Amino acid sequence: MSIDPLIPLLEETTGRTLNDCRLSPLGGGDINSAYHLQSTEVSWFIKVNRPTLAFMFEAEAQGLNELAKLKSIRVPTVITYGQSEQYSFLVLEHIELGGLRSDSAALLGEQLAALHKHRQAFFGWHCDNTIGSTAQHNERHKDWVEFWRAQRLLKQLQFAADNGHAGKLLSQGEKLAEKLDVFFETYQPQPALLHGDLWGGNAAADRQGRPVIYDPACYYGDREADIAMTELFGGFGADFYRAYQESYPLDSGYKTRKILYNLYHILNHLNLFGSAYRHQAETMIEQLLAET
């Protein structure tokens, strides 16, 4: 897709003149097209998708702004977002990124612990957003178990059923949903600001070695949900977990609850990418039911 016609709109939206502008496509995204825009004055990262998905970029921008406001971990600065007849778009500060070294990973652990200490009076968010391209519903709740049951587990199970994955997955998943209180008998989560989609592909370090996180799916929830996802696909390393634990130790029941929290993401992968994830989801449900 050519986004050259978007440049005049960005000039109008930002009030910047983009002289000697160079636009380079970037790879790596499953959902959006991405570009690096370099001019004599600016260096921007641009995400582009269909006009109907403008809400997705608005919600992402709001999440980045909330994370930036709390000043715990660096995130890309939001430049602008919007839509035209041809595109929806999100424009961010372009940051040259590299892998998390041991010192960067440790600092990220400390900074994430600091982020998770920011409290709210409710679980959820002020708007819905997306996890990948799946709708993520964030209706506010006072009760975490009810929030996770209604807004996370049952939503993904219903999406799965709508996609043709009912049967045992749905029946056992609904059985699990009825028993969630068992996992919280001695543990009361506090509403912490979560990145919401914290896998290894959404964290890196800038050229100075400072951690950077991006592509959030923010809401206020149990901090264990963020930590659980860091373990789902790997990439954070022992220094990250040591530093987090030293700053903000996890409850002993986390080892079981992380399966529950990662079940949400495996169900989402089932809904996004197909049946290769069904057996894993069913196995996780069986593990959790065995604990009830």
C-alpha atoms as a PDB file:
ATOM      1  CA  MET A   1       0.000   0.000   0.000  1.00  0.00           C
ATOM      2  CA  SER A   2       1.359   3.440  -0.908  1.00  0.00           C
ATOM      3  CA  ILE A   3       0.867   6.014   1.804  1.00  0.00           C
ATOM      4  CA  ASP A   4       2.492   8.937  -0.020  1.00  0.00           C
ATOM      5  CA  PRO A   5      -0.916  10.722  -0.152  1.00  0.00           C
ATOM      6  CA  LEU A   6      -0.917  10.606   3.658  1.00  0.00           C
ATOM      7  CA  ILE A   7       2.014  13.017   3.925  1.00  0.00           C
ATOM      8  CA  PRO A   8       0.025  16.204   3.167  1.00  0.00           C
ATOM      9  CA  LEU A   9      -2.543  15.114   5.761  1.00  0.00           C
ATOM     10  CA  LEU A  10       0.200  14.642   8.355  1.00  0.00           C
ATOM     11  CA  GLU A  11       1.552  18.101   7.561  1.00  0.00           C
ATOM     12  CA  GLU A  12      -1.914  19.542   8.076  1.00  0.00           C
ATOM     13  CA  THR A  13      -2.563  17.537  11.258  1.00  0.00           C
ATOM     14  CA  THR A  14       0.780  18.277  12.934  1.00  0.00           C
ATOM     15  CA  GLY A  15       1.489  21.747  11.541  1.00  0.00           C
ATOM     16  CA  ARG A  16       4.913  20.508  10.418  1.00  0.00           C
ATOM     17  CA  THR A  17       6.431  20.914   6.963  1.00  0.00           C
ATOM     18  CA  LEU A  18       7.984  17.600   5.972  1.00  0.00           C
ATOM     19  CA  ASN A  19      10.847  18.739   3.738  1.00  0.00           C
ATOM     20  CA  ASP A  20      13.022  16.195   1.912  1.00  0.00           C
ATOM     21  CA  CYS A  21      10.754  13.455   3.170  1.00  0.00           C
ATOM     22  CA  ARG A  22      11.798   9.795   2.848  1.00  0.00           C
ATOM     23  CA  LEU A  23       9.297   7.047   3.540  1.00  0.00           C
ATOM     24  CA  SER A  24      10.581   3.494   4.088  1.00  0.00           C
ATOM     25  CA  PRO A  25       8.412   0.400   4.705  1.00  0.00           C
ATOM     26  CA  LEU A  26       9.194  -1.653   7.812  1.00  0.00           C
ATOM     27  CA  GLY A  27       8.545  -5.356   8.345  1.00  0.00           C
ATOM     28  CA  GLY A  28       7.547  -7.391  11.362  1.00  0.00           C
ATOM     29  CA  GLY A  29       3.891  -6.481  11.874  1.00  0.00           C
ATOM     30  CA  ASP A  30       1.089  -9.061  11.612  1.00  0.00           C
ATOM     31  CA  ILE A  31      -1.780  -6.577  11.735  1.00  0.00           C
ATOM     32  CA  ASN A  32      -0.684  -3.151  10.468  1.00  0.00           C
ATOM     33  CA  SER A  33       1.574  -1.816   7.756  1.00  0.00           C
ATOM     34  CA  ALA A  34       4.483   0.163   9.228  1.00  0.00           C
ATOM     35  CA  TYR A  35       6.773   2.866   7.859  1.00  0.00           C
ATOM     36  CA  HIS A  36       9.674   5.053   8.919  1.00  0.00           C
ATOM     37  CA  LEU A  37       9.254   8.662   7.837  1.00  0.00           C
ATOM     38  CA  GLN A  38      12.468  10.691   7.867  1.00  0.00           C
ATOM     39  CA  SER A  39      12.622  14.368   6.969  1.00  0.00           C
ATOM     40  CA  THR A  40      15.115  17.126   7.668  1.00  0.00           C
ATOM     41  CA  GLU A  41      13.323  17.823  10.965  1.00  0.00           C
ATOM     42  CA  VAL A  42      11.525  14.697  12.147  1.00  0.00           C
ATOM     43  CA  SER A  43      11.889  10.932  12.444  1.00  0.00           C
ATOM     44  CA  TRP A  44       8.530   9.209  12.821  1.00  0.00           C
ATOM     45  CA  PHE A  45       7.194   5.660  13.031  1.00  0.00           C
ATOM     46  CA  ILE A  46       3.841   5.317  11.248  1.00  0.00           C
ATOM     47  CA  LYS A  47       1.272   2.536  11.505  1.00  0.00           C
ATOM     48  CA  VAL A  48      -1.389   2.320   8.812  1.00  0.00           C
ATOM     49  CA  ASN A  49      -4.542   0.253   8.411  1.00  0.00           C
ATOM     50  CA  ARG A  50      -8.082   0.465   7.063  1.00  0.00           C
ATOM     51  CA  PRO A  51     -10.136   3.587   7.906  1.00  0.00           C
ATOM     52  CA  THR A  52     -12.586   1.462   9.920  1.00  0.00           C
ATOM     53  CA  LEU A  53      -9.817   0.598  12.429  1.00  0.00           C
ATOM     54  CA  ALA A  54      -9.165   4.185  13.521  1.00  0.00           C
ATOM     55  CA  PHE A  55     -10.588   3.335  16.960  1.00  0.00           C
ATOM     56  CA  MET A  56      -7.775   0.801  17.441  1.00  0.00           C
ATOM     57  CA  PHE A  57      -5.099   3.446  16.930  1.00  0.00           C
ATOM     58  CA  GLU A  58      -6.917   5.945  19.150  1.00  0.00           C
ATOM     59  CA  ALA A  59      -7.046   3.412  21.985  1.00  0.00           C
ATOM     60  CA  GLU A  60      -3.353   2.583  21.520  1.00  0.00           C
ATOM     61  CA  ALA A  61      -2.473   6.269  21.622  1.00  0.00           C
ATOM     62  CA  GLN A  62      -4.435   6.685  24.846  1.00  0.00           C
ATOM     63  CA  GLY A  63      -2.586   3.759  26.379  1.00  0.00           C
ATOM     64  CA  LEU A  64       0.805   5.163  25.383  1.00  0.00           C
ATOM     65  CA  ASN A  65      -0.140   8.562  26.778  1.00  0.00           C
ATOM     66  CA  GLU A  66      -1.208   7.010  30.091  1.00  0.00           C
ATOM     67  CA  LEU A  67       2.052   5.067  30.333  1.00  0.00           C
ATOM     68  CA  ALA A  68       4.048   8.178  29.463  1.00  0.00           C
ATOM     69  CA  LYS A  69       2.218  10.256  32.061  1.00  0.00           C
ATOM     70  CA  LEU A  70       3.275   7.902  34.847  1.00  0.00           C
ATOM     71  CA  LYS A  71       6.963   8.194  33.827  1.00  0.00           C
ATOM     72  CA  SER A  72       7.909   4.682  34.921  1.00  0.00           C
ATOM     73  CA  ILE A  73       9.097   3.216  31.592  1.00  0.00           C
ATOM     74  CA  ARG A  74       9.941   4.950  28.338  1.00  0.00           C
ATOM     75  CA  VAL A  75       7.335   4.656  25.583  1.00  0.00           C
ATOM     76  CA  PRO A  76       7.292   6.263  22.136  1.00  0.00           C
ATOM     77  CA  THR A  77       5.796   9.741  22.157  1.00  0.00           C
ATOM     78  CA  VAL A  78       2.475   9.992  20.341  1.00  0.00           C
ATOM     79  CA  ILE A  79       2.677  12.560  17.523  1.00  0.00           C
ATOM     80  CA  THR A  80      -0.830  12.224  16.084  1.00  0.00           C
ATOM     81  CA  TYR A  81      -3.463   9.750  14.943  1.00  0.00           C
ATOM     82  CA  GLY A  82      -6.532   9.880  12.749  1.00  0.00           C
ATOM     83  CA  GLN A  83      -8.049   8.726   9.510  1.00  0.00           C
ATOM     84  CA  SER A  84      -8.676   9.707   5.929  1.00  0.00           C
ATOM     85  CA  GLU A  85     -10.887   8.152   3.279  1.00  0.00           C
ATOM     86  CA  GLN A  86      -8.087   5.669   2.526  1.00  0.00           C
ATOM     87  CA  TYR A  87      -6.362   5.004   5.862  1.00  0.00           C
ATOM     88  CA  SER A  88      -6.367   5.086   9.589  1.00  0.00           C
ATOM     89  CA  PHE A  89      -2.981   5.957  11.022  1.00  0.00           C
ATOM     90  CA  LEU A  90      -0.933   6.363  14.180  1.00  0.00           C
ATOM     91  CA  VAL A  91       2.257   8.429  14.165  1.00  0.00           C
ATOM     92  CA  LEU A  92       4.848   7.935  16.901  1.00  0.00           C
ATOM     93  CA  GLU A  93       8.325   9.085  17.707  1.00  0.00           C
ATOM     94  CA  HIS A  94      10.782   6.798  15.918  1.00  0.00           C
ATOM     95  CA  ILE A  95      13.210   5.169  18.363  1.00  0.00           C
ATOM     96  CA  GLU A  96      16.178   3.095  17.229  1.00  0.00           C
ATOM     97  CA  LEU A  97      15.722  -0.138  19.157  1.00  0.00           C
ATOM     98  CA  GLY A  98      17.914  -3.086  20.048  1.00  0.00           C
ATOM     99  CA  GLY A  99      17.647  -6.168  22.233  1.00  0.00           C
ATOM    100  CA  LEU A 100      17.406  -6.136  26.013  1.00  0.00           C
ATOM    101  CA  ARG A 101      20.862  -6.688  27.485  1.00  0.00           C
ATOM    102  CA  SER A 102      21.110  -8.013  31.026  1.00  0.00           C
ATOM    103  CA  ASP A 103      21.383  -4.513  32.507  1.00  0.00           C
ATOM    104  CA  SER A 104      18.494  -3.243  30.375  1.00  0.00           C
ATOM    105  CA  ALA A 105      16.368  -6.240  31.334  1.00  0.00           C
ATOM    106  CA  ALA A 106      17.061  -5.675  35.038  1.00  0.00           C
ATOM    107  CA  LEU A 107      16.136  -2.000  34.714  1.00  0.00           C
ATOM    108  CA  LEU A 108      12.927  -2.969  32.940  1.00  0.00           C
ATOM    109  CA  GLY A 109      12.076  -5.274  35.855  1.00  0.00           C
ATOM    110  CA  GLU A 110      12.524  -2.397  38.302  1.00  0.00           C
ATOM    111  CA  GLN A 111      10.580   0.027  36.145  1.00  0.00           C
ATOM    112  CA  LEU A 112       7.709  -2.386  35.532  1.00  0.00           C
ATOM    113  CA  ALA A 113       7.430  -2.925  39.282  1.00  0.00           C
ATOM    114  CA  ALA A 114       7.207   0.857  39.704  1.00  0.00           C
ATOM    115  CA  LEU A 115       4.518   1.039  37.016  1.00  0.00           C
ATOM    116  CA  HIS A 116       2.497  -1.681  38.738  1.00  0.00           C
ATOM    117  CA  LYS A 117       2.430   0.298  41.963  1.00  0.00           C
ATOM    118  CA  HIS A 118       0.213   2.932  40.341  1.00  0.00           C
ATOM    119  CA  ARG A 119      -3.297   2.271  41.611  1.00  0.00           C
ATOM    120  CA  GLN A 120      -6.823   2.940  40.381  1.00  0.00           C
ATOM    121  CA  ALA A 121     -10.205   2.582  42.053  1.00  0.00           C
ATOM    122  CA  PHE A 122     -11.495   0.043  39.525  1.00  0.00           C
ATOM    123  CA  PHE A 123     -10.490  -2.823  37.273  1.00  0.00           C
ATOM    124  CA  GLY A 124     -10.817  -2.112  33.560  1.00  0.00           C
ATOM    125  CA  TRP A 125     -10.285   1.011  31.480  1.00  0.00           C
ATOM    126  CA  HIS A 126     -12.177   4.078  30.351  1.00  0.00           C
ATOM    127  CA  CYS A 127     -12.672   2.587  26.870  1.00  0.00           C
ATOM    128  CA  ASP A 128     -12.430  -0.701  25.030  1.00  0.00           C
ATOM    129  CA  ASN A 129      -9.297  -1.439  23.012  1.00  0.00           C
ATOM    130  CA  THR A 130      -7.805  -4.393  21.151  1.00  0.00           C
ATOM    131  CA  ILE A 131      -5.490  -7.295  21.907  1.00  0.00           C
ATOM    132  CA  GLY A 132      -3.867  -7.842  18.551  1.00  0.00           C
ATOM    133  CA  SER A 133      -6.833  -7.127  16.313  1.00  0.00           C
ATOM    134  CA  THR A 134      -9.331  -8.778  18.695  1.00  0.00           C
ATOM    135  CA  ALA A 135     -11.746  -6.571  20.605  1.00  0.00           C
ATOM    136  CA  GLN A 136     -10.750  -6.275  24.270  1.00  0.00           C
ATOM    137  CA  HIS A 137     -13.651  -5.239  26.461  1.00  0.00           C
ATOM    138  CA  ASN A 138     -12.771  -3.169  29.512  1.00  0.00           C
ATOM    139  CA  GLU A 139     -16.044  -2.445  31.296  1.00  0.00           C
ATOM    140  CA  ARG A 140     -15.191  -1.268  34.793  1.00  0.00           C
ATOM    141  CA  HIS A 141     -15.599  -3.648  37.725  1.00  0.00           C
ATOM    142  CA  LYS A 142     -14.900  -3.441  41.427  1.00  0.00           C
ATOM    143  CA  ASP A 143     -14.359  -7.208  41.589  1.00  0.00           C
ATOM    144  CA  TRP A 144     -11.327  -8.629  39.755  1.00  0.00           C
ATOM    145  CA  VAL A 145     -12.612 -12.204  39.497  1.00  0.00           C
ATOM    146  CA  GLU A 146     -15.830 -11.034  37.897  1.00  0.00           C
ATOM    147  CA  PHE A 147     -13.894  -8.775  35.548  1.00  0.00           C
ATOM    148  CA  TRP A 148     -11.632 -11.621  34.408  1.00  0.00           C
ATOM    149  CA  ARG A 149     -14.547 -13.995  34.083  1.00  0.00           C
ATOM    150  CA  ALA A 150     -16.810 -11.663  32.092  1.00  0.00           C
ATOM    151  CA  GLN A 151     -14.409  -9.407  30.207  1.00  0.00           C
ATOM    152  CA  ARG A 152     -11.560 -11.801  29.466  1.00  0.00           C
ATOM    153  CA  LEU A 153     -12.190 -15.557  29.692  1.00  0.00           C
ATOM    154  CA  LEU A 154     -15.837 -15.752  28.611  1.00  0.00           C
ATOM    155  CA  LYS A 155     -15.331 -13.199  25.827  1.00  0.00           C
ATOM    156  CA  GLN A 156     -12.509 -15.214  24.275  1.00  0.00           C
ATOM    157  CA  LEU A 157     -14.453 -18.461  24.651  1.00  0.00           C
ATOM    158  CA  GLN A 158     -17.403 -16.895  22.854  1.00  0.00           C
ATOM    159  CA  PHE A 159     -15.139 -15.589  20.084  1.00  0.00           C
ATOM    160  CA  ALA A 160     -13.721 -19.115  19.791  1.00  0.00           C
ATOM    161  CA  ALA A 161     -17.199 -20.635  19.546  1.00  0.00           C
ATOM    162  CA  ASP A 162     -18.116 -18.075  16.879  1.00  0.00           C
ATOM    163  CA  ASN A 163     -14.990 -19.164  14.986  1.00  0.00           C
ATOM    164  CA  GLY A 164     -16.016 -22.816  15.064  1.00  0.00           C
ATOM    165  CA  HIS A 165     -14.082 -23.892  18.177  1.00  0.00           C
ATOM    166  CA  ALA A 166     -16.879 -24.971  20.517  1.00  0.00           C
ATOM    167  CA  GLY A 167     -17.288 -28.520  21.864  1.00  0.00           C
ATOM    168  CA  LYS A 168     -14.963 -29.528  24.689  1.00  0.00           C
ATOM    169  CA  LEU A 169     -13.096 -26.224  24.623  1.00  0.00           C
ATOM    170  CA  LEU A 170     -16.254 -24.251  25.284  1.00  0.00           C
ATOM    171  CA  SER A 171     -17.832 -26.617  27.815  1.00  0.00           C
ATOM    172  CA  GLN A 172     -14.660 -27.035  29.875  1.00  0.00           C
ATOM    173  CA  GLY A 173     -13.856 -23.338  29.566  1.00  0.00           C
ATOM    174  CA  GLU A 174     -17.265 -22.367  30.899  1.00  0.00           C
ATOM    175  CA  LYS A 175     -16.817 -24.869  33.737  1.00  0.00           C
ATOM    176  CA  LEU A 176     -13.524 -23.171  34.590  1.00  0.00           C
ATOM    177  CA  ALA A 177     -15.172 -19.746  34.498  1.00  0.00           C
ATOM    178  CA  GLU A 178     -17.590 -20.870  37.217  1.00  0.00           C
ATOM    179  CA  LYS A 179     -14.683 -21.866  39.505  1.00  0.00           C
ATOM    180  CA  LEU A 180     -12.347 -18.876  39.221  1.00  0.00           C
ATOM    181  CA  ASP A 181     -12.844 -17.846  42.855  1.00  0.00           C
ATOM    182  CA  VAL A 182     -10.751 -20.858  43.917  1.00  0.00           C
ATOM    183  CA  PHE A 183      -7.597 -19.189  42.596  1.00  0.00           C
ATOM    184  CA  PHE A 184      -8.155 -16.043  44.664  1.00  0.00           C
ATOM    185  CA  GLU A 185      -9.122 -17.398  48.080  1.00  0.00           C
ATOM    186  CA  THR A 186      -5.964 -16.027  49.749  1.00  0.00           C
ATOM    187  CA  TYR A 187      -5.011 -13.357  47.223  1.00  0.00           C
ATOM    188  CA  GLN A 188      -6.671 -10.010  46.521  1.00  0.00           C
ATOM    189  CA  PRO A 189      -5.303  -8.241  43.432  1.00  0.00           C
ATOM    190  CA  GLN A 190      -5.101  -4.464  43.374  1.00  0.00           C
ATOM    191  CA  PRO A 191      -5.931  -2.500  40.202  1.00  0.00           C
ATOM    192  CA  ALA A 192      -2.505  -1.722  38.687  1.00  0.00           C
ATOM    193  CA  LEU A 193      -1.839  -0.112  35.316  1.00  0.00           C
ATOM    194  CA  LEU A 194      -0.917  -2.918  32.924  1.00  0.00           C
ATOM    195  CA  HIS A 195       0.773  -2.808  29.547  1.00  0.00           C
ATOM    196  CA  GLY A 196      -1.624  -5.613  28.681  1.00  0.00           C
ATOM    197  CA  ASP A 197       0.302  -7.245  25.815  1.00  0.00           C
ATOM    198  CA  LEU A 198       3.799  -7.551  27.251  1.00  0.00           C
ATOM    199  CA  TRP A 199       5.478 -10.237  25.178  1.00  0.00           C
ATOM    200  CA  GLY A 200       9.093 -10.088  24.032  1.00  0.00           C
ATOM    201  CA  GLY A 201       8.232  -8.396  20.746  1.00  0.00           C
ATOM    202  CA  ASN A 202       6.800  -5.377  22.566  1.00  0.00           C
ATOM    203  CA  ALA A 203       9.858  -4.549  24.699  1.00  0.00           C
ATOM    204  CA  ALA A 204      13.353  -3.459  23.696  1.00  0.00           C
ATOM    205  CA  ALA A 205      16.089  -0.994  24.591  1.00  0.00           C
ATOM    206  CA  ASP A 206      17.037   2.315  22.982  1.00  0.00           C
ATOM    207  CA  ARG A 207      20.588   3.179  21.902  1.00  0.00           C
ATOM    208  CA  GLN A 208      21.436   4.241  25.467  1.00  0.00           C
ATOM    209  CA  GLY A 209      20.265   0.897  26.841  1.00  0.00           C
ATOM    210  CA  ARG A 210      17.082   2.296  28.386  1.00  0.00           C
ATOM    211  CA  PRO A 211      14.057  -0.025  28.271  1.00  0.00           C
ATOM    212  CA  VAL A 212      11.226   0.893  25.910  1.00  0.00           C
ATOM    213  CA  ILE A 213       7.786  -0.714  25.753  1.00  0.00           C
ATOM    214  CA  TYR A 214       5.192  -0.194  23.022  1.00  0.00           C
ATOM    215  CA  ASP A 215       2.064  -1.649  21.354  1.00  0.00           C
ATOM    216  CA  PRO A 216       0.106  -1.629  24.636  1.00  0.00           C
ATOM    217  CA  ALA A 217      -3.391  -2.930  25.336  1.00  0.00           C
ATOM    218  CA  CYS A 218      -3.705  -1.030  28.611  1.00  0.00           C
ATOM    219  CA  TYR A 219      -6.168  -1.505  31.422  1.00  0.00           C
ATOM    220  CA  TYR A 220      -6.096  -1.613  35.225  1.00  0.00           C
ATOM    221  CA  GLY A 221      -5.819  -5.172  36.476  1.00  0.00           C
ATOM    222  CA  ASP A 222      -3.812  -7.721  38.429  1.00  0.00           C
ATOM    223  CA  ARG A 223      -0.102  -7.076  37.861  1.00  0.00           C
ATOM    224  CA  GLU A 224       0.442 -10.837  37.630  1.00  0.00           C
ATOM    225  CA  ALA A 225      -1.233 -10.764  34.204  1.00  0.00           C
ATOM    226  CA  ASP A 226       1.631  -8.666  32.797  1.00  0.00           C
ATOM    227  CA  ILE A 227       4.308 -10.862  34.370  1.00  0.00           C
ATOM    228  CA  ALA A 228       2.565 -14.020  33.154  1.00  0.00           C
ATOM    229  CA  MET A 229       2.659 -12.863  29.554  1.00  0.00           C
ATOM    230  CA  THR A 230       6.376 -12.116  29.750  1.00  0.00           C
ATOM    231  CA  GLU A 231       6.814 -15.845  30.433  1.00  0.00           C
ATOM    232  CA  LEU A 232       4.492 -17.056  27.663  1.00  0.00           C
ATOM    233  CA  PHE A 233       6.904 -16.655  24.738  1.00  0.00           C
ATOM    234  CA  GLY A 234      10.134 -15.828  26.598  1.00  0.00           C
ATOM    235  CA  GLY A 235      12.664 -13.134  25.835  1.00  0.00           C
ATOM    236  CA  PHE A 236      13.019 -11.286  29.149  1.00  0.00           C
ATOM    237  CA  GLY A 237      15.711 -13.261  30.970  1.00  0.00           C
ATOM    238  CA  ALA A 238      16.598 -14.005  34.576  1.00  0.00           C
ATOM    239  CA  ASP A 239      17.821 -10.469  35.349  1.00  0.00           C
ATOM    240  CA  PHE A 240      14.383  -9.056  34.550  1.00  0.00           C
ATOM    241  CA  TYR A 241      12.581 -11.433  36.934  1.00  0.00           C
ATOM    242  CA  ARG A 242      15.150 -11.050  39.697  1.00  0.00           C
ATOM    243  CA  ALA A 243      14.890  -7.264  39.595  1.00  0.00           C
ATOM    244  CA  TYR A 244      11.084  -7.331  39.551  1.00  0.00           C
ATOM    245  CA  GLN A 245      10.921  -9.754  42.480  1.00  0.00           C
ATOM    246  CA  GLU A 246      13.362  -7.650  44.505  1.00  0.00           C
ATOM    247  CA  SER A 247      11.286  -4.538  43.848  1.00  0.00           C
ATOM    248  CA  TYR A 248       7.801  -6.035  44.184  1.00  0.00           C
ATOM    249  CA  PRO A 249       7.670  -9.739  45.196  1.00  0.00           C
ATOM    250  CA  LEU A 250       4.956 -11.906  43.674  1.00  0.00           C
ATOM    251  CA  ASP A 251       2.468 -13.938  45.686  1.00  0.00           C
ATOM    252  CA  SER A 252       3.190 -17.675  45.901  1.00  0.00           C
ATOM    253  CA  GLY A 253      -0.060 -18.494  44.083  1.00  0.00           C
ATOM    254  CA  TYR A 254       1.211 -16.782  40.945  1.00  0.00           C
ATOM    255  CA  LYS A 255       2.613 -20.082  39.602  1.00  0.00           C
ATOM    256  CA  THR A 256      -0.917 -21.381  39.130  1.00  0.00           C
ATOM    257  CA  ARG A 257      -2.635 -18.102  38.210  1.00  0.00           C
ATOM    258  CA  LYS A 258      -0.141 -17.400  35.413  1.00  0.00           C
ATOM    259  CA  ILE A 259      -1.690 -20.348  33.533  1.00  0.00           C
ATOM    260  CA  LEU A 260      -5.094 -18.680  33.861  1.00  0.00           C
ATOM    261  CA  TYR A 261      -3.769 -15.342  32.635  1.00  0.00           C
ATOM    262  CA  ASN A 262      -1.888 -16.860  29.714  1.00  0.00           C
ATOM    263  CA  LEU A 263      -4.928 -18.906  28.740  1.00  0.00           C
ATOM    264  CA  TYR A 264      -6.480 -15.604  27.671  1.00  0.00           C
ATOM    265  CA  HIS A 265      -3.641 -14.963  25.226  1.00  0.00           C
ATOM    266  CA  ILE A 266      -3.598 -18.531  23.888  1.00  0.00           C
ATOM    267  CA  LEU A 267      -7.346 -18.310  23.269  1.00  0.00           C
ATOM    268  CA  ASN A 268      -6.723 -15.010  21.509  1.00  0.00           C
ATOM    269  CA  HIS A 269      -4.062 -16.664  19.342  1.00  0.00           C
ATOM    270  CA  LEU A 270      -6.590 -19.390  18.550  1.00  0.00           C
ATOM    271  CA  ASN A 271      -9.040 -16.721  17.441  1.00  0.00           C
ATOM    272  CA  LEU A 272      -6.445 -14.771  15.460  1.00  0.00           C
ATOM    273  CA  PHE A 273      -4.350 -17.520  13.902  1.00  0.00           C
ATOM    274  CA  GLY A 274      -6.419 -20.699  13.947  1.00  0.00           C
ATOM    275  CA  SER A 275      -6.666 -24.223  15.305  1.00  0.00           C
ATOM    276  CA  ALA A 276      -2.945 -24.790  15.952  1.00  0.00           C
ATOM    277  CA  TYR A 277      -3.549 -23.230  19.395  1.00  0.00           C
ATOM    278  CA  ARG A 278      -6.646 -25.234  20.326  1.00  0.00           C
ATOM    279  CA  HIS A 279      -4.875 -28.193  21.945  1.00  0.00           C
ATOM    280  CA  GLN A 280      -2.715 -25.857  24.031  1.00  0.00           C
ATOM    281  CA  ALA A 281      -5.799 -23.978  25.217  1.00  0.00           C
ATOM    282  CA  GLU A 282      -7.597 -27.210  26.133  1.00  0.00           C
ATOM    283  CA  THR A 283      -4.533 -28.475  28.018  1.00  0.00           C
ATOM    284  CA  MET A 284      -4.294 -25.260  30.027  1.00  0.00           C
ATOM    285  CA  ILE A 285      -7.974 -25.467  30.938  1.00  0.00           C
ATOM    286  CA  GLU A 286      -7.480 -29.065  32.110  1.00  0.00           C
ATOM    287  CA  GLN A 287      -4.502 -28.005  34.244  1.00  0.00           C
ATOM    288  CA  LEU A 288      -6.520 -25.279  35.904  1.00  0.00           C
ATOM    289  CA  LEU A 289      -9.575 -27.479  36.502  1.00  0.00           C
ATOM    290  CA  ALA A 290      -7.299 -29.998  38.202  1.00  0.00           C
ATOM    291  CA  GLU A 291      -6.441 -27.288  40.745  1.00  0.00           C
ATOM    292  CA  THR A 292     -10.097 -26.642  41.676  1.00  0.00           C
END
